[in-house]
Amino acid sequence: MLMSAAVAILAIANCSCSSEEEEAAIVDKIREERKEIALSADTRSAATELKDFYVNFTTDMVKYVDSSSAYKSKNVVVSPVSMSMVLAMIANGVDKNSSEKIISGYLGVKDNKALNELCGNLLVELPKSDNLATMAMSNSLWVNQAMELRLSDEYLAEVEKTYNLENYSADFTNDNEKAKNEINAWASRTTNGRIPNYLKELNKEAFGIVLNAFYFNAPWDGKLFMA
């Protein structure tokens, strides 16, 4: 079963420095504070394979935002890591053919196990990798009670262990407003109130929703943003 995916998509910032000396000093400071994430050979290979997806997804999203009048006066942050994590969680719960289409066809990764290990590693290590920034990633799965679906124990064991996924059940069909409010409350809680009203409406016929929320807070002073 391929569930509909909803993603808390966060940002691209583009700033400039007043001088090359200032920029170099800030970059040196950031490098001193950063901690390299240790990867195995398999997870490093998966990370390398994901690069094309990261670039293509970000480029497509930038084009979409740039061409949409709805975003002209807004700051938009794009998180390809969030999108890849949502797709990886979905890939664990669908049939083999659909899983291969997501993992190798869309994400461009050869080994599903290595992809799971990489995502699990990033969830734990990325928030600790930079002392100048506060980062937190959260995942949740919301199943529509009205559809009377049962997720397999094997699937839940994998995503709860690897992705620290929070599993919820809500009635999208018969108690739509309550379900929407519960999902929005989760989004608000996991982003320190930065995304209080993620869903404007909730599809009553959806089987379920997979969510990733990425909270990021760093001492940007308007002079530099380093990816």
C-alpha atoms as a PDB file:
ATOM      1  CA  MET A   1       0.000   0.000   0.000  1.00  0.00           C
ATOM      2  CA  LEU A   2       1.521   3.312  -1.038  1.00  0.00           C
ATOM      3  CA  MET A   3       0.531   5.961   1.453  1.00  0.00           C
ATOM      4  CA  SER A   4       0.200   9.626   0.613  1.00  0.00           C
ATOM      5  CA  ALA A   5       3.213  11.507   1.934  1.00  0.00           C
ATOM      6  CA  ALA A   6       3.111  14.890   3.575  1.00  0.00           C
ATOM      7  CA  VAL A   7       6.422  16.559   4.280  1.00  0.00           C
ATOM      8  CA  ALA A   8       7.316  19.554   6.399  1.00  0.00           C
ATOM      9  CA  ILE A   9       9.558  21.199   3.783  1.00  0.00           C
ATOM     10  CA  LEU A  10      11.921  23.743   5.253  1.00  0.00           C
ATOM     11  CA  ALA A  11      14.512  26.329   3.538  1.00  0.00           C
ATOM     12  CA  ILE A  12      17.074  27.820   1.181  1.00  0.00           C
ATOM     13  CA  ALA A  13      18.751  30.977   2.393  1.00  0.00           C
ATOM     14  CA  ASN A  14      20.980  33.125   0.262  1.00  0.00           C
ATOM     15  CA  CYS A  15      23.047  35.813   1.955  1.00  0.00           C
ATOM     16  CA  SER A  16      26.341  37.584   1.368  1.00  0.00           C
ATOM     17  CA  CYS A  17      29.281  38.800   3.448  1.00  0.00           C
ATOM     18  CA  SER A  18      30.586  42.326   3.670  1.00  0.00           C
ATOM     19  CA  SER A  19      34.176  41.234   3.044  1.00  0.00           C
ATOM     20  CA  GLU A  20      36.224  38.205   2.107  1.00  0.00           C
ATOM     21  CA  GLU A  21      38.039  38.405   5.468  1.00  0.00           C
ATOM     22  CA  GLU A  22      34.743  38.305   7.373  1.00  0.00           C
ATOM     23  CA  GLU A  23      33.550  35.363   5.321  1.00  0.00           C
ATOM     24  CA  ALA A  24      36.773  33.418   5.863  1.00  0.00           C
ATOM     25  CA  ALA A  25      36.642  34.024   9.622  1.00  0.00           C
ATOM     26  CA  ILE A  26      33.027  32.785   9.859  1.00  0.00           C
ATOM     27  CA  VAL A  27      33.755  29.737   7.707  1.00  0.00           C
ATOM     28  CA  ASP A  28      36.750  28.837   9.911  1.00  0.00           C
ATOM     29  CA  LYS A  29      34.572  29.163  13.003  1.00  0.00           C
ATOM     30  CA  ILE A  30      31.895  26.900  11.524  1.00  0.00           C
ATOM     31  CA  ARG A  31      34.457  24.277  10.532  1.00  0.00           C
ATOM     32  CA  GLU A  32      35.928  24.264  14.045  1.00  0.00           C
ATOM     33  CA  GLU A  33      32.511  23.643  15.552  1.00  0.00           C
ATOM     34  CA  ARG A  34      31.398  20.930  13.137  1.00  0.00           C
ATOM     35  CA  LYS A  35      31.678  17.239  13.934  1.00  0.00           C
ATOM     36  CA  GLU A  36      32.118  14.776  11.086  1.00  0.00           C
ATOM     37  CA  ILE A  37      29.494  12.018  10.961  1.00  0.00           C
ATOM     38  CA  ALA A  38      31.099   8.574  10.839  1.00  0.00           C
ATOM     39  CA  LEU A  39      29.704   6.365   8.077  1.00  0.00           C
ATOM     40  CA  SER A  40      30.345   2.744   7.167  1.00  0.00           C
ATOM     41  CA  ALA A  41      31.343   1.839   3.615  1.00  0.00           C
ATOM     42  CA  ASP A  42      27.746   0.882   2.776  1.00  0.00           C
ATOM     43  CA  THR A  43      26.120   3.977   4.267  1.00  0.00           C
ATOM     44  CA  ARG A  44      28.730   6.238   2.663  1.00  0.00           C
ATOM     45  CA  SER A  45      27.928   4.620  -0.675  1.00  0.00           C
ATOM     46  CA  ALA A  46      24.200   5.273  -0.122  1.00  0.00           C
ATOM     47  CA  ALA A  47      24.948   8.886   0.816  1.00  0.00           C
ATOM     48  CA  THR A  48      26.960   9.339  -2.380  1.00  0.00           C
ATOM     49  CA  GLU A  49      24.181   7.811  -4.476  1.00  0.00           C
ATOM     50  CA  LEU A  50      21.641  10.227  -2.921  1.00  0.00           C
ATOM     51  CA  LYS A  51      23.545  13.306  -4.098  1.00  0.00           C
ATOM     52  CA  ASP A  52      21.823  13.426  -7.494  1.00  0.00           C
ATOM     53  CA  PHE A  53      18.414  13.168  -5.837  1.00  0.00           C
ATOM     54  CA  TYR A  54      19.287  15.967  -3.415  1.00  0.00           C
ATOM     55  CA  VAL A  55      20.394  18.247  -6.251  1.00  0.00           C
ATOM     56  CA  ASN A  56      17.481  17.431  -8.567  1.00  0.00           C
ATOM     57  CA  PHE A  57      14.831  17.709  -5.857  1.00  0.00           C
ATOM     58  CA  THR A  58      16.207  21.037  -4.614  1.00  0.00           C
ATOM     59  CA  THR A  59      16.484  22.417  -8.147  1.00  0.00           C
ATOM     60  CA  ASP A  60      12.922  21.382  -8.995  1.00  0.00           C
ATOM     61  CA  MET A  61      11.586  22.897  -5.773  1.00  0.00           C
ATOM     62  CA  VAL A  62      13.446  26.170  -6.345  1.00  0.00           C
ATOM     63  CA  LYS A  63      11.979  26.387  -9.843  1.00  0.00           C
ATOM     64  CA  TYR A  64       8.503  25.676  -8.475  1.00  0.00           C
ATOM     65  CA  VAL A  65       8.792  28.297  -5.729  1.00  0.00           C
ATOM     66  CA  ASP A  66      10.274  30.847  -8.128  1.00  0.00           C
ATOM     67  CA  SER A  67       7.409  30.377 -10.605  1.00  0.00           C
ATOM     68  CA  SER A  68       4.621  30.461  -8.000  1.00  0.00           C
ATOM     69  CA  SER A  69       3.104  33.810  -7.044  1.00  0.00           C
ATOM     70  CA  ALA A  70       2.052  32.340  -3.679  1.00  0.00           C
ATOM     71  CA  TYR A  71       5.679  32.341  -2.507  1.00  0.00           C
ATOM     72  CA  LYS A  72       6.883  35.670  -3.917  1.00  0.00           C
ATOM     73  CA  SER A  73       6.926  37.458  -0.547  1.00  0.00           C
ATOM     74  CA  LYS A  74       7.861  34.453   1.609  1.00  0.00           C
ATOM     75  CA  ASN A  75      11.035  32.742   2.751  1.00  0.00           C
ATOM     76  CA  VAL A  76      11.065  29.084   1.741  1.00  0.00           C
ATOM     77  CA  VAL A  77      13.424  26.380   2.954  1.00  0.00           C
ATOM     78  CA  VAL A  78      13.821  23.162   0.959  1.00  0.00           C
ATOM     79  CA  SER A  79      14.950  20.006   2.755  1.00  0.00           C
ATOM     80  CA  PRO A  80      15.894  17.156   0.377  1.00  0.00           C
ATOM     81  CA  VAL A  81      16.974  15.121   3.426  1.00  0.00           C
ATOM     82  CA  SER A  82      13.391  15.284   4.730  1.00  0.00           C
ATOM     83  CA  MET A  83      11.970  14.193   1.385  1.00  0.00           C
ATOM     84  CA  SER A  84      14.403  11.283   1.005  1.00  0.00           C
ATOM     85  CA  MET A  85      13.609  10.124   4.547  1.00  0.00           C
ATOM     86  CA  VAL A  86       9.847  10.161   3.922  1.00  0.00           C
ATOM     87  CA  LEU A  87      10.277   8.197   0.691  1.00  0.00           C
ATOM     88  CA  ALA A  88      12.548   5.693   2.433  1.00  0.00           C
ATOM     89  CA  MET A  89       9.946   5.111   5.163  1.00  0.00           C
ATOM     90  CA  ILE A  90       7.242   4.571   2.546  1.00  0.00           C
ATOM     91  CA  ALA A  91       9.485   2.202   0.582  1.00  0.00           C
ATOM     92  CA  ASN A  92       9.704  -0.060   3.623  1.00  0.00           C
ATOM     93  CA  GLY A  93       5.930  -0.544   3.659  1.00  0.00           C
ATOM     94  CA  VAL A  94       4.979  -1.169   0.035  1.00  0.00           C
ATOM     95  CA  ASP A  95       5.265  -4.152  -2.300  1.00  0.00           C
ATOM     96  CA  LYS A  96       8.645  -5.091  -3.758  1.00  0.00           C
ATOM     97  CA  ASN A  97       8.019  -3.540  -7.172  1.00  0.00           C
ATOM     98  CA  SER A  98       6.901  -0.199  -5.726  1.00  0.00           C
ATOM     99  CA  SER A  99       9.774  -0.236  -3.235  1.00  0.00           C
ATOM    100  CA  GLU A 100      12.326  -0.699  -6.017  1.00  0.00           C
ATOM    101  CA  LYS A 101      10.792   2.157  -8.000  1.00  0.00           C
ATOM    102  CA  ILE A 102      11.174   4.469  -5.012  1.00  0.00           C
ATOM    103  CA  ILE A 103      14.620   3.355  -3.857  1.00  0.00           C
ATOM    104  CA  SER A 104      16.484   2.764  -7.108  1.00  0.00           C
ATOM    105  CA  GLY A 105      14.277   4.586  -9.594  1.00  0.00           C
ATOM    106  CA  TYR A 106      13.630   7.825  -7.712  1.00  0.00           C
ATOM    107  CA  LEU A 107      16.244   8.028  -4.951  1.00  0.00           C
ATOM    108  CA  GLY A 108      18.935   6.328  -7.027  1.00  0.00           C
ATOM    109  CA  VAL A 109      20.132   4.065  -4.202  1.00  0.00           C
ATOM    110  CA  LYS A 110      21.060   0.418  -4.788  1.00  0.00           C
ATOM    111  CA  ASP A 111      20.782  -1.006  -1.254  1.00  0.00           C
ATOM    112  CA  ASN A 112      17.631  -0.507   0.828  1.00  0.00           C
ATOM    113  CA  LYS A 113      19.336  -1.760   4.001  1.00  0.00           C
ATOM    114  CA  ALA A 114      22.153   0.770   3.596  1.00  0.00           C
ATOM    115  CA  LEU A 115      19.587   3.516   2.984  1.00  0.00           C
ATOM    116  CA  ASN A 116      17.782   2.635   6.229  1.00  0.00           C
ATOM    117  CA  GLU A 117      21.062   2.613   8.133  1.00  0.00           C
ATOM    118  CA  LEU A 118      22.044   5.986   6.667  1.00  0.00           C
ATOM    119  CA  CYS A 119      18.722   7.583   7.597  1.00  0.00           C
ATOM    120  CA  GLY A 120      18.931   6.171  11.118  1.00  0.00           C
ATOM    121  CA  ASN A 121      22.484   7.478  11.435  1.00  0.00           C
ATOM    122  CA  LEU A 122      21.494  10.965  10.274  1.00  0.00           C
ATOM    123  CA  LEU A 123      18.583  11.109  12.724  1.00  0.00           C
ATOM    124  CA  VAL A 124      20.966  10.504  15.635  1.00  0.00           C
ATOM    125  CA  GLU A 125      24.172  12.174  14.505  1.00  0.00           C
ATOM    126  CA  LEU A 126      23.100  15.178  12.422  1.00  0.00           C
ATOM    127  CA  PRO A 127      21.671  17.102  15.419  1.00  0.00           C
ATOM    128  CA  LYS A 128      25.039  16.657  17.186  1.00  0.00           C
ATOM    129  CA  SER A 129      27.224  17.553  14.219  1.00  0.00           C
ATOM    130  CA  ASP A 130      27.368  21.343  14.653  1.00  0.00           C
ATOM    131  CA  ASN A 131      27.634  23.098  18.009  1.00  0.00           C
ATOM    132  CA  LEU A 132      26.539  26.392  16.445  1.00  0.00           C
ATOM    133  CA  ALA A 133      23.165  25.027  15.391  1.00  0.00           C
ATOM    134  CA  THR A 134      20.187  23.345  17.013  1.00  0.00           C
ATOM    135  CA  MET A 135      18.726  20.624  14.807  1.00  0.00           C
ATOM    136  CA  ALA A 136      16.050  18.029  15.401  1.00  0.00           C
ATOM    137  CA  MET A 137      14.272  15.639  13.043  1.00  0.00           C
ATOM    138  CA  SER A 138      11.026  13.868  13.891  1.00  0.00           C
ATOM    139  CA  ASN A 139       8.978  11.298  11.966  1.00  0.00           C
ATOM    140  CA  SER A 140       5.379  10.216  12.348  1.00  0.00           C
ATOM    141  CA  LEU A 141       2.836   8.004  10.617  1.00  0.00           C
ATOM    142  CA  TRP A 142      -0.878   8.749  10.797  1.00  0.00           C
ATOM    143  CA  VAL A 143      -3.270   5.975   9.727  1.00  0.00           C
ATOM    144  CA  ASN A 144      -6.903   6.688   8.872  1.00  0.00           C
ATOM    145  CA  GLN A 145      -9.010   4.665  11.339  1.00  0.00           C
ATOM    146  CA  ALA A 146     -11.990   4.658   8.990  1.00  0.00           C
ATOM    147  CA  MET A 147     -10.078   2.566   6.426  1.00  0.00           C
ATOM    148  CA  GLU A 148      -9.612  -0.274   8.960  1.00  0.00           C
ATOM    149  CA  LEU A 149      -6.029  -0.858   7.881  1.00  0.00           C
ATOM    150  CA  ARG A 150      -3.504  -2.888   9.826  1.00  0.00           C
ATOM    151  CA  LEU A 151       0.198  -2.206   9.443  1.00  0.00           C
ATOM    152  CA  SER A 152       2.417  -5.262   9.579  1.00  0.00           C
ATOM    153  CA  ASP A 153       4.435  -5.854  12.743  1.00  0.00           C
ATOM    154  CA  GLU A 154       7.569  -6.218  10.609  1.00  0.00           C
ATOM    155  CA  TYR A 155       7.085  -2.794   9.023  1.00  0.00           C
ATOM    156  CA  LEU A 156       6.376  -1.057  12.321  1.00  0.00           C
ATOM    157  CA  ALA A 157       9.384  -2.692  13.983  1.00  0.00           C
ATOM    158  CA  GLU A 158      11.665  -1.424  11.194  1.00  0.00           C
ATOM    159  CA  VAL A 159      10.454   2.175  11.016  1.00  0.00           C
ATOM    160  CA  GLU A 160      10.019   2.620  14.768  1.00  0.00           C
ATOM    161  CA  LYS A 161      13.539   1.352  15.436  1.00  0.00           C
ATOM    162  CA  THR A 162      15.393   2.928  12.509  1.00  0.00           C
ATOM    163  CA  TYR A 163      13.424   6.137  11.984  1.00  0.00           C
ATOM    164  CA  ASN A 164      12.229   6.663  15.563  1.00  0.00           C
ATOM    165  CA  LEU A 165       8.778   6.890  14.012  1.00  0.00           C
ATOM    166  CA  GLU A 166       5.781   7.829  16.139  1.00  0.00           C
ATOM    167  CA  ASN A 167       2.737   5.760  15.125  1.00  0.00           C
ATOM    168  CA  TYR A 168      -0.705   7.383  15.405  1.00  0.00           C
ATOM    169  CA  SER A 169      -4.266   6.558  14.413  1.00  0.00           C
ATOM    170  CA  ALA A 170      -6.951   9.164  13.670  1.00  0.00           C
ATOM    171  CA  ASP A 171     -10.310   9.194  11.917  1.00  0.00           C
ATOM    172  CA  PHE A 172      -9.775  11.310   8.786  1.00  0.00           C
ATOM    173  CA  THR A 173     -13.195  10.414   7.394  1.00  0.00           C
ATOM    174  CA  ASN A 174     -15.689  10.789  10.237  1.00  0.00           C
ATOM    175  CA  ASP A 175     -13.839  13.183  12.561  1.00  0.00           C
ATOM    176  CA  ASN A 176     -11.821  15.145  10.017  1.00  0.00           C
ATOM    177  CA  GLU A 177     -11.352  18.388  11.953  1.00  0.00           C
ATOM    178  CA  LYS A 178     -10.114  16.605  15.076  1.00  0.00           C
ATOM    179  CA  ALA A 179      -7.679  14.494  13.049  1.00  0.00           C
ATOM    180  CA  LYS A 180      -6.351  17.574  11.243  1.00  0.00           C
ATOM    181  CA  ASN A 181      -5.878  19.408  14.542  1.00  0.00           C
ATOM    182  CA  GLU A 182      -3.999  16.460  16.049  1.00  0.00           C
ATOM    183  CA  ILE A 183      -1.620  16.336  13.087  1.00  0.00           C
ATOM    184  CA  ASN A 184      -1.073  20.101  13.228  1.00  0.00           C
ATOM    185  CA  ALA A 185      -0.418  19.874  16.966  1.00  0.00           C
ATOM    186  CA  TRP A 186       2.314  17.290  16.271  1.00  0.00           C
ATOM    187  CA  ALA A 187       3.882  19.516  13.603  1.00  0.00           C
ATOM    188  CA  SER A 188       3.831  22.484  15.968  1.00  0.00           C
ATOM    189  CA  ARG A 189       5.276  20.501  18.878  1.00  0.00           C
ATOM    190  CA  THR A 190       8.142  19.008  16.877  1.00  0.00           C
ATOM    191  CA  THR A 191       9.152  22.350  15.318  1.00  0.00           C
ATOM    192  CA  ASN A 192       9.007  24.384  18.543  1.00  0.00           C
ATOM    193  CA  GLY A 193       5.864  26.136  17.340  1.00  0.00           C
ATOM    194  CA  ARG A 194       7.351  27.228  14.002  1.00  0.00           C
ATOM    195  CA  ILE A 195       4.800  25.244  11.948  1.00  0.00           C
ATOM    196  CA  PRO A 196       1.530  25.535  13.901  1.00  0.00           C
ATOM    197  CA  ASN A 197      -0.886  25.034  10.993  1.00  0.00           C
ATOM    198  CA  TYR A 198       0.790  22.648   8.578  1.00  0.00           C
ATOM    199  CA  LEU A 199      -2.452  21.195   7.195  1.00  0.00           C
ATOM    200  CA  LYS A 200      -5.102  23.599   5.953  1.00  0.00           C
ATOM    201  CA  GLU A 201      -7.305  20.639   5.039  1.00  0.00           C
ATOM    202  CA  LEU A 202      -7.087  16.865   5.386  1.00  0.00           C
ATOM    203  CA  ASN A 203      -8.207  14.463   2.658  1.00  0.00           C
ATOM    204  CA  LYS A 204     -10.983  12.320   4.141  1.00  0.00           C
ATOM    205  CA  GLU A 205     -10.178   9.461   1.754  1.00  0.00           C
ATOM    206  CA  ALA A 206      -6.433   9.281   2.476  1.00  0.00           C
ATOM    207  CA  PHE A 207      -5.204   5.952   3.821  1.00  0.00           C
ATOM    208  CA  GLY A 208      -2.478   7.607   5.847  1.00  0.00           C
ATOM    209  CA  ILE A 209       0.125  10.344   6.049  1.00  0.00           C
ATOM    210  CA  VAL A 210       3.874  10.049   6.606  1.00  0.00           C
ATOM    211  CA  LEU A 211       5.470  13.156   8.100  1.00  0.00           C
ATOM    212  CA  ASN A 212       9.018  14.379   8.642  1.00  0.00           C
ATOM    213  CA  ALA A 213       9.612  17.594  10.564  1.00  0.00           C
ATOM    214  CA  PHE A 214      13.067  19.208  10.508  1.00  0.00           C
ATOM    215  CA  TYR A 215      13.696  21.928  13.091  1.00  0.00           C
ATOM    216  CA  PHE A 216      16.783  24.070  12.483  1.00  0.00           C
ATOM    217  CA  ASN A 217      17.955  27.073  14.484  1.00  0.00           C
ATOM    218  CA  ALA A 218      21.366  28.683  14.020  1.00  0.00           C
ATOM    219  CA  PRO A 219      22.965  32.068  14.774  1.00  0.00           C
ATOM    220  CA  TRP A 220      22.567  33.543  11.290  1.00  0.00           C
ATOM    221  CA  ASP A 221      23.378  37.234  11.358  1.00  0.00           C
ATOM    222  CA  GLY A 222      22.343  38.035   7.791  1.00  0.00           C
ATOM    223  CA  LYS A 223      25.905  37.864   6.498  1.00  0.00           C
ATOM    224  CA  LEU A 224      26.411  34.241   5.582  1.00  0.00           C
ATOM    225  CA  PHE A 225      24.648  30.974   5.093  1.00  0.00           C
ATOM    226  CA  MET A 226      26.786  27.869   4.660  1.00  0.00           C
ATOM    227  CA  ALA A 227      25.174  24.648   3.468  1.00  0.00           C
END
